[in-house]
Amino acid sequence: MRTLRFILKAAVFINLCLFTLAAADARTEVKSTVNAGSCLMPDIQIGERPGPTDRPTLVTVGLRLLDVTAITDTSQSITADFVLSQTWTDPRLTEFEGCQFSLSEVWNPQIDIINAGRLFTRLRKRVHVLESGRVRYVQRYQGSMVFRYDAHQFPFDHHDIVITLLGIEYGEKDVRLIIDEDFTGRKSDEFDVADWKISRVQAKIFSEPIAASSQNNSGYTFSISAKRLSGYYIGKVIFPLILIVLMSWTVFWIDPAQFGSQIGMSATSMLTLIAFQFAMANILPHLNYYTLMDKFIVGSTIIVFLSLIESVTTSYLVSIPKRELAMRIDRLCRWAFPGAYVAFILIVFYM
């Protein structure tokens, strides 16, 4: 009898527990249904700017740089990974706190990345409604952007690479951008980009006149300060080029009477230099002005060509015959060419 009573009490206890759990699940289901219903798309005019018409809508913009994977000189582009945050207030969405909507279902400031090349978005285009009608849109971008820079000092140059955002549709009197100081910045001190060192980032607000609409639009710039690590170009371009120039000077120690060897060495140096320039064409920036590297390459080419002219001249003097004069020219060039080349390098890179 005692065992039977124990079994009956246990069965009653289990049934009570199951009933309590079922009731809790029912309450949860009702609650979730209510929340889902409260996030139905509100009936608002998304083409109408929120807030007072006599004051601009303030949009807080922040950009956090996650990584820079490449800076390409030949195409003047930067490949980066960053997150862009935009926050504004829409009083019409006050009662929808905690809800999410598609970006196309609500009003948004229509801010574009002006210098975007091939950028890809990684997050869904949805906005989050925060307290008091604040709306936040966060998007992650990966890809390349175009930037223009002054490379006269290449390969010892330093640049501020700029990501530019601009409100295209609305003028400054309707939409005004503000820097989100808490979100703007960089993720880490080191990035994976080769041959460059990223030292600092900085954001600024600017006003851009739009000729088509006769108004000023508010914009946001994110500057990435990048310094080129010139060791690669010193080892791959400058040092080999100096060796080619030194090779061309061996003709000054060859007897002018052996004009075949002398002219052959000069011609070989010239052809080697031309082939080297073709090989370097893909790693040097394509610009319509001379950089330090261009000046160095042109000057070195002229030096090698003058060595060829000198070898032809001394060979001719030997055939006249004016051997002694040819020997004096060779001895003079042994010191004149190195001295002139050292002076040239100092002028190009240090003046």
Protein backbone atom coordinates (compact mmCIF):
# COMPACT_ATOMS: atom_id res chain seq x y z
CA MET A 1 0.00 0.00 0.00
CA ARG A 2 2.76 2.42 0.84
CA THR A 3 4.40 1.76 -2.54
CA LEU A 4 1.11 2.40 -4.36
CA ARG A 5 0.58 5.68 -2.50
CA PHE A 6 4.12 6.80 -3.37
CA ILE A 7 3.57 6.02 -7.05
CA LEU A 8 0.27 7.99 -7.08
CA LYS A 9 1.87 11.01 -5.40
CA ALA A 10 4.78 10.93 -7.88
CA ALA A 11 2.35 10.78 -10.83
CA VAL A 12 0.40 13.78 -9.51
CA PHE A 13 3.65 15.77 -9.02
CA ILE A 14 4.87 14.98 -12.54
CA ASN A 15 1.50 16.03 -14.05
CA LEU A 16 1.66 19.35 -12.16
CA CYS A 17 5.19 20.02 -13.49
CA LEU A 18 4.17 19.24 -17.05
CA PHE A 19 1.13 21.54 -16.78
CA THR A 20 3.30 24.37 -15.43
CA LEU A 21 5.82 24.01 -18.29
CA ALA A 22 3.02 23.95 -20.88
CA ALA A 23 1.53 27.12 -19.44
CA ALA A 24 4.92 28.84 -19.49
CA ASP A 25 5.43 27.83 -23.13
CA ALA A 26 2.03 29.18 -24.01
CA ARG A 27 2.79 32.53 -22.33
CA THR A 28 6.13 32.71 -24.16
CA GLU A 29 4.47 31.96 -27.48
CA VAL A 30 1.86 34.64 -26.90
CA LYS A 31 4.53 37.15 -25.86
CA SER A 32 6.70 36.43 -28.92
CA THR A 33 3.63 36.75 -31.14
CA VAL A 34 2.89 40.14 -29.67
CA ASN A 35 6.51 41.29 -30.22
CA ALA A 36 6.45 40.03 -33.78
CA GLY A 37 3.25 41.91 -34.45
CA SER A 38 4.64 45.15 -32.98
CA CYS A 39 7.46 45.15 -35.57
CA LEU A 40 5.15 45.27 -38.56
CA MET A 41 6.25 47.89 -41.08
CA PRO A 42 4.95 51.30 -39.92
CA ASP A 43 2.82 53.34 -42.26
CA ILE A 44 5.16 56.31 -42.85
CA GLN A 45 6.27 58.30 -45.87
CA ILE A 46 9.89 57.20 -46.37
CA GLY A 47 10.45 60.02 -48.85
CA GLU A 48 9.78 62.64 -46.17
CA ARG A 49 12.71 63.69 -44.02
CA PRO A 50 12.05 63.10 -40.28
CA GLY A 51 12.08 65.89 -37.73
CA PRO A 52 11.38 69.61 -38.06
CA THR A 53 11.53 71.01 -41.58
CA ASP A 54 13.34 74.16 -40.46
CA ARG A 55 16.32 72.26 -39.03
CA PRO A 56 18.62 69.68 -40.66
CA THR A 57 18.51 66.04 -39.70
CA LEU A 58 21.73 65.22 -37.85
CA VAL A 59 23.40 61.99 -38.97
CA THR A 60 26.23 60.63 -36.84
CA VAL A 61 28.78 58.82 -39.03
CA GLY A 62 31.59 56.57 -37.87
CA LEU A 63 34.09 54.44 -39.78
CA ARG A 64 36.21 51.74 -38.18
CA LEU A 65 39.13 50.46 -40.25
CA LEU A 66 39.49 46.69 -39.80
CA ASP A 67 42.32 45.96 -42.22
CA VAL A 68 44.28 47.23 -45.21
CA THR A 69 45.45 44.39 -47.44
CA ALA A 70 46.94 46.22 -50.44
CA ILE A 71 47.95 49.62 -51.74
CA THR A 72 48.60 49.41 -55.49
CA ASP A 73 50.61 52.16 -57.16
CA THR A 74 50.03 51.16 -60.77
CA SER A 75 46.23 51.47 -60.41
CA GLN A 76 46.34 53.99 -57.53
CA SER A 77 43.92 51.96 -55.41
CA ILE A 78 43.63 50.72 -51.85
CA THR A 79 42.07 47.42 -50.81
CA ALA A 80 40.52 47.71 -47.36
CA ASP A 81 38.05 46.16 -44.94
CA PHE A 82 36.00 48.58 -42.83
CA VAL A 83 32.69 49.02 -41.01
CA LEU A 84 30.52 52.10 -41.57
CA SER A 85 27.96 53.22 -38.99
CA GLN A 86 25.18 55.79 -39.54
CA THR A 87 22.81 56.92 -36.80
CA TRP A 88 19.93 59.39 -37.01
CA THR A 89 16.64 60.07 -35.19
CA ASP A 90 13.22 59.39 -36.71
CA PRO A 91 10.45 60.30 -34.22
CA ARG A 92 7.96 58.27 -36.27
CA LEU A 93 9.73 55.07 -35.17
CA THR A 94 9.72 55.78 -31.41
CA GLU A 95 7.24 52.99 -30.61
CA PHE A 96 9.24 50.44 -32.60
CA GLU A 97 12.23 50.22 -30.25
CA GLY A 98 14.08 46.94 -30.68
CA CYS A 99 12.69 46.29 -34.16
CA GLN A 100 14.62 45.81 -37.40
CA PHE A 101 13.57 46.97 -40.85
CA SER A 102 14.99 46.80 -44.33
CA LEU A 103 16.95 49.92 -45.28
CA SER A 104 14.56 50.53 -48.17
CA GLU A 105 11.54 50.48 -45.83
CA VAL A 106 12.56 53.53 -43.79
CA TRP A 107 13.95 56.98 -44.50
CA ASN A 108 17.76 57.06 -44.76
CA PRO A 109 20.22 59.91 -45.51
CA GLN A 110 21.48 58.41 -48.80
CA ILE A 111 25.20 58.66 -48.00
CA ASP A 112 27.49 57.31 -50.72
CA ILE A 113 31.20 56.41 -50.85
CA ILE A 114 32.48 58.75 -53.56
CA ASN A 115 35.79 57.04 -54.42
CA ALA A 116 34.45 53.47 -54.27
CA GLY A 117 35.93 51.09 -56.81
CA ARG A 118 34.86 47.46 -56.40
CA LEU A 119 33.30 47.39 -52.94
CA PHE A 120 31.22 44.50 -51.61
CA THR A 121 28.84 44.60 -48.65
CA ARG A 122 29.01 41.78 -46.09
CA LEU A 123 25.96 42.49 -43.89
CA ARG A 124 22.25 42.62 -44.62
CA LYS A 125 20.91 46.08 -45.43
CA ARG A 126 18.81 46.42 -42.28
CA VAL A 127 18.40 49.18 -39.74
CA HIS A 128 17.98 48.78 -35.97
CA VAL A 129 15.57 51.01 -34.08
CA LEU A 130 17.03 52.10 -30.74
CA GLU A 131 15.51 54.10 -27.91
CA SER A 132 13.65 57.37 -28.55
CA GLY A 133 13.37 56.73 -32.28
CA ARG A 134 17.10 56.57 -32.92
CA VAL A 135 17.87 54.51 -36.03
CA ARG A 136 21.21 52.86 -36.70
CA TYR A 137 22.51 51.34 -39.92
CA VAL A 138 25.77 49.36 -39.82
CA GLN A 139 27.42 47.91 -42.92
CA ARG A 140 30.71 46.17 -43.53
CA TYR A 141 32.57 46.88 -46.79
CA GLN A 142 35.42 44.95 -48.41
CA GLY A 143 37.12 45.78 -51.69
CA SER A 144 39.12 48.42 -53.53
CA MET A 145 38.84 52.20 -53.65
CA VAL A 146 40.56 54.71 -55.89
CA PHE A 147 42.81 57.41 -54.45
CA ARG A 148 44.90 60.10 -56.09
CA TYR A 149 48.24 61.09 -54.62
CA ASP A 150 51.38 63.09 -55.32
CA ALA A 151 54.20 60.58 -55.89
CA HIS A 152 57.01 62.99 -56.73
CA GLN A 153 59.01 61.57 -53.80
CA PHE A 154 58.50 57.92 -54.76
CA PRO A 155 59.81 55.57 -53.33
CA PHE A 156 60.37 57.69 -50.21
CA ASP A 157 56.84 59.12 -50.12
CA HIS A 158 54.13 59.50 -47.50
CA HIS A 159 50.41 59.85 -48.26
CA ASP A 160 47.06 60.50 -46.64
CA ILE A 161 44.72 58.02 -48.33
CA VAL A 162 41.16 59.32 -48.03
CA ILE A 163 37.80 57.49 -47.98
CA THR A 164 35.18 60.10 -48.88
CA LEU A 165 31.49 59.93 -47.94
CA LEU A 166 28.98 62.46 -49.26
CA GLY A 167 25.25 62.96 -48.87
CA ILE A 168 24.16 63.09 -52.51
CA GLU A 169 20.38 63.54 -52.35
CA TYR A 170 20.06 66.06 -49.50
CA GLY A 171 21.75 69.42 -49.13
CA GLU A 172 23.47 70.65 -45.99
CA LYS A 173 20.33 72.48 -44.87
CA ASP A 174 18.45 69.15 -44.83
CA VAL A 175 21.09 66.63 -43.71
CA ARG A 176 24.22 67.43 -41.73
CA LEU A 177 26.88 64.84 -40.88
CA ILE A 178 28.56 64.57 -37.46
CA ILE A 179 31.60 62.45 -36.54
CA ASP A 180 30.91 59.48 -34.27
CA GLU A 181 34.04 59.77 -32.13
CA ASP A 182 33.35 56.50 -30.30
CA PHE A 183 33.13 54.44 -33.49
CA THR A 184 35.67 56.19 -35.73
CA GLY A 185 39.17 54.70 -35.62
CA ARG A 186 41.15 51.57 -36.40
CA LYS A 187 40.89 48.03 -35.07
CA SER A 188 44.60 47.42 -34.47
CA ASP A 189 48.02 49.03 -34.80
CA GLU A 190 49.28 46.58 -37.42
CA PHE A 191 47.79 45.69 -40.81
CA ASP A 192 48.65 43.06 -43.42
CA VAL A 193 49.55 45.51 -46.19
CA ALA A 194 53.02 44.96 -47.66
CA ASP A 195 55.58 47.76 -48.11
CA TRP A 196 53.47 50.29 -46.20
CA LYS A 197 53.17 51.38 -42.59
CA ILE A 198 49.84 52.79 -41.40
CA SER A 199 50.57 55.34 -38.68
CA ARG A 200 47.28 57.09 -37.88
CA VAL A 201 43.69 57.64 -39.01
CA GLN A 202 41.62 60.80 -38.78
CA ALA A 203 38.05 61.84 -39.65
CA LYS A 204 36.82 65.28 -40.78
CA ILE A 205 33.56 66.87 -41.84
CA PHE A 206 33.51 69.01 -44.97
CA SER A 207 31.04 70.89 -47.13
CA GLU A 208 30.98 70.17 -50.87
CA PRO A 209 29.23 72.46 -53.40
CA ILE A 210 27.13 70.54 -55.93
CA ALA A 211 26.83 72.46 -59.19
CA ALA A 212 23.81 70.51 -60.46
CA SER A 213 21.67 71.38 -57.43
CA SER A 214 23.21 74.77 -56.50
CA GLN A 215 23.65 73.73 -52.89
CA ASN A 216 26.31 72.54 -50.46
CA ASN A 217 26.21 68.94 -49.32
CA SER A 218 27.68 67.64 -46.08
CA GLY A 219 30.52 65.11 -46.36
CA TYR A 220 32.79 62.96 -44.22
CA THR A 221 36.41 62.05 -44.94
CA PHE A 222 38.41 59.27 -43.28
CA SER A 223 42.16 59.80 -43.80
CA ILE A 224 44.61 56.90 -43.56
CA SER A 225 48.19 58.07 -43.08
CA ALA A 226 50.48 55.65 -44.94
CA LYS A 227 54.27 55.72 -45.27
CA ARG A 228 55.98 53.62 -47.92
CA LEU A 229 58.63 51.16 -46.74
CA SER A 230 61.32 51.85 -49.35
CA GLY A 231 63.57 48.86 -48.58
CA TYR A 232 62.00 46.78 -51.34
CA TYR A 233 62.77 49.38 -54.02
CA ILE A 234 66.27 49.97 -52.71
CA GLY A 235 67.06 46.26 -52.96
CA LYS A 236 65.15 45.45 -56.16
CA VAL A 237 65.64 48.61 -58.26
CA ILE A 238 68.20 51.09 -56.97
CA PHE A 239 70.99 48.68 -55.99
CA PRO A 240 70.84 46.52 -59.19
CA LEU A 241 70.77 49.70 -61.27
CA ILE A 242 73.90 50.99 -59.57
CA LEU A 243 75.64 47.67 -60.37
CA ILE A 244 74.72 48.00 -64.04
CA VAL A 245 76.19 51.52 -64.09
CA LEU A 246 79.37 50.26 -62.40
CA MET A 247 79.61 47.48 -65.00
CA SER A 248 79.52 50.07 -67.79
CA TRP A 249 82.61 51.78 -66.31
CA THR A 250 84.84 48.72 -66.83
CA VAL A 251 85.48 50.02 -70.36
CA PHE A 252 87.73 52.71 -68.83
CA TRP A 253 90.20 49.98 -67.81
CA ILE A 254 90.18 48.18 -71.17
CA ASP A 255 92.89 49.14 -73.65
CA PRO A 256 91.28 51.32 -76.36
CA ALA A 257 93.17 49.28 -78.94
CA GLN A 258 90.87 46.39 -78.04
CA PHE A 259 87.89 48.30 -79.34
CA GLY A 260 85.85 45.13 -79.88
CA SER A 261 85.88 44.25 -76.19
CA GLN A 262 85.43 47.87 -75.15
CA ILE A 263 82.42 48.59 -77.34
CA GLY A 264 80.97 45.14 -76.63
CA MET A 265 81.04 45.77 -72.88
CA SER A 266 79.39 49.19 -73.28
CA ALA A 267 76.69 47.81 -75.57
CA THR A 268 76.04 44.93 -73.17
CA SER A 269 75.61 47.38 -70.27
CA MET A 270 73.18 49.46 -72.31
CA LEU A 271 71.09 46.48 -73.36
CA THR A 272 71.07 45.13 -69.79
CA LEU A 273 69.78 48.47 -68.53
CA ILE A 274 67.00 48.57 -71.13
CA ALA A 275 65.90 45.02 -70.28
CA PHE A 276 65.96 45.90 -66.59
CA GLN A 277 63.67 48.88 -67.19
CA PHE A 278 61.16 46.69 -69.03
CA ALA A 279 61.19 44.24 -66.11
CA MET A 280 60.54 47.06 -63.62
CA ALA A 281 57.64 48.57 -65.58
CA ASN A 282 54.98 46.57 -63.70
CA ILE A 283 56.07 47.59 -60.19
CA LEU A 284 56.52 51.31 -60.81
CA PRO A 285 53.55 53.73 -60.74
CA HIS A 286 52.20 54.85 -64.10
CA LEU A 287 52.34 58.64 -63.83
CA ASN A 288 52.61 61.51 -66.26
CA TYR A 289 55.35 63.23 -64.24
CA TYR A 290 58.82 62.31 -63.00
CA THR A 291 59.29 60.82 -59.56
CA LEU A 292 62.61 60.48 -57.72
CA MET A 293 62.86 56.93 -59.04
CA ASP A 294 62.20 58.07 -62.62
CA LYS A 295 64.90 60.73 -62.36
CA PHE A 296 67.34 58.17 -60.97
CA ILE A 297 66.59 55.68 -63.76
CA VAL A 298 66.89 58.34 -66.49
CA GLY A 299 70.14 59.70 -65.02
CA SER A 300 71.62 56.19 -64.78
CA THR A 301 70.63 55.51 -68.38
CA ILE A 302 72.38 58.67 -69.53
CA ILE A 303 75.53 57.71 -67.61
CA VAL A 304 75.61 54.27 -69.24
CA PHE A 305 75.00 55.80 -72.66
CA LEU A 306 77.86 58.29 -72.14
CA SER A 307 80.11 55.36 -71.27
CA LEU A 308 79.20 53.83 -74.62
CA ILE A 309 79.97 57.12 -76.38
CA GLU A 310 83.32 57.31 -74.57
CA SER A 311 84.32 53.80 -75.66
CA VAL A 312 83.43 54.56 -79.30
CA THR A 313 85.40 57.84 -79.11
CA THR A 314 88.56 56.27 -77.69
CA SER A 315 88.37 53.43 -80.20
CA TYR A 316 88.22 55.99 -83.00
CA LEU A 317 91.19 57.94 -81.57
CA VAL A 318 93.28 54.77 -81.51
CA SER A 319 92.49 54.16 -85.19
CA ILE A 320 93.58 57.71 -86.28
CA PRO A 321 96.12 57.03 -84.56
CA LYS A 322 95.96 59.08 -81.33
CA ARG A 323 96.48 56.38 -78.77
CA GLU A 324 97.96 58.68 -76.10
CA LEU A 325 94.92 60.98 -76.19
CA ALA A 326 92.61 57.99 -75.93
CA MET A 327 94.49 56.73 -72.87
CA ARG A 328 94.27 60.16 -71.21
CA ILE A 329 90.50 60.25 -71.77
CA ASP A 330 90.15 56.79 -70.22
CA ARG A 331 92.16 57.81 -67.16
CA LEU A 332 90.11 61.00 -66.76
CA CYS A 333 86.80 59.13 -67.04
CA ARG A 334 87.83 56.64 -64.33
CA TRP A 335 87.35 59.48 -61.82
CA ALA A 336 85.01 61.86 -63.62
CA PHE A 337 82.16 59.37 -64.12
CA PRO A 338 82.03 58.08 -60.50
CA GLY A 339 82.27 61.63 -59.16
CA ALA A 340 79.51 62.87 -61.44
CA TYR A 341 77.30 59.88 -60.56
CA VAL A 342 77.71 60.38 -56.80
CA ALA A 343 76.87 64.08 -57.20
CA PHE A 344 73.82 63.13 -59.28
CA ILE A 345 72.54 60.71 -56.61
CA LEU A 346 72.96 63.33 -53.87
CA ILE A 347 71.07 65.91 -55.92
CA VAL A 348 68.19 63.57 -56.76
CA PHE A 349 67.59 62.02 -53.35
CA TYR A 350 68.72 64.70 -50.90
CA MET A 351 67.97 68.04 -52.52
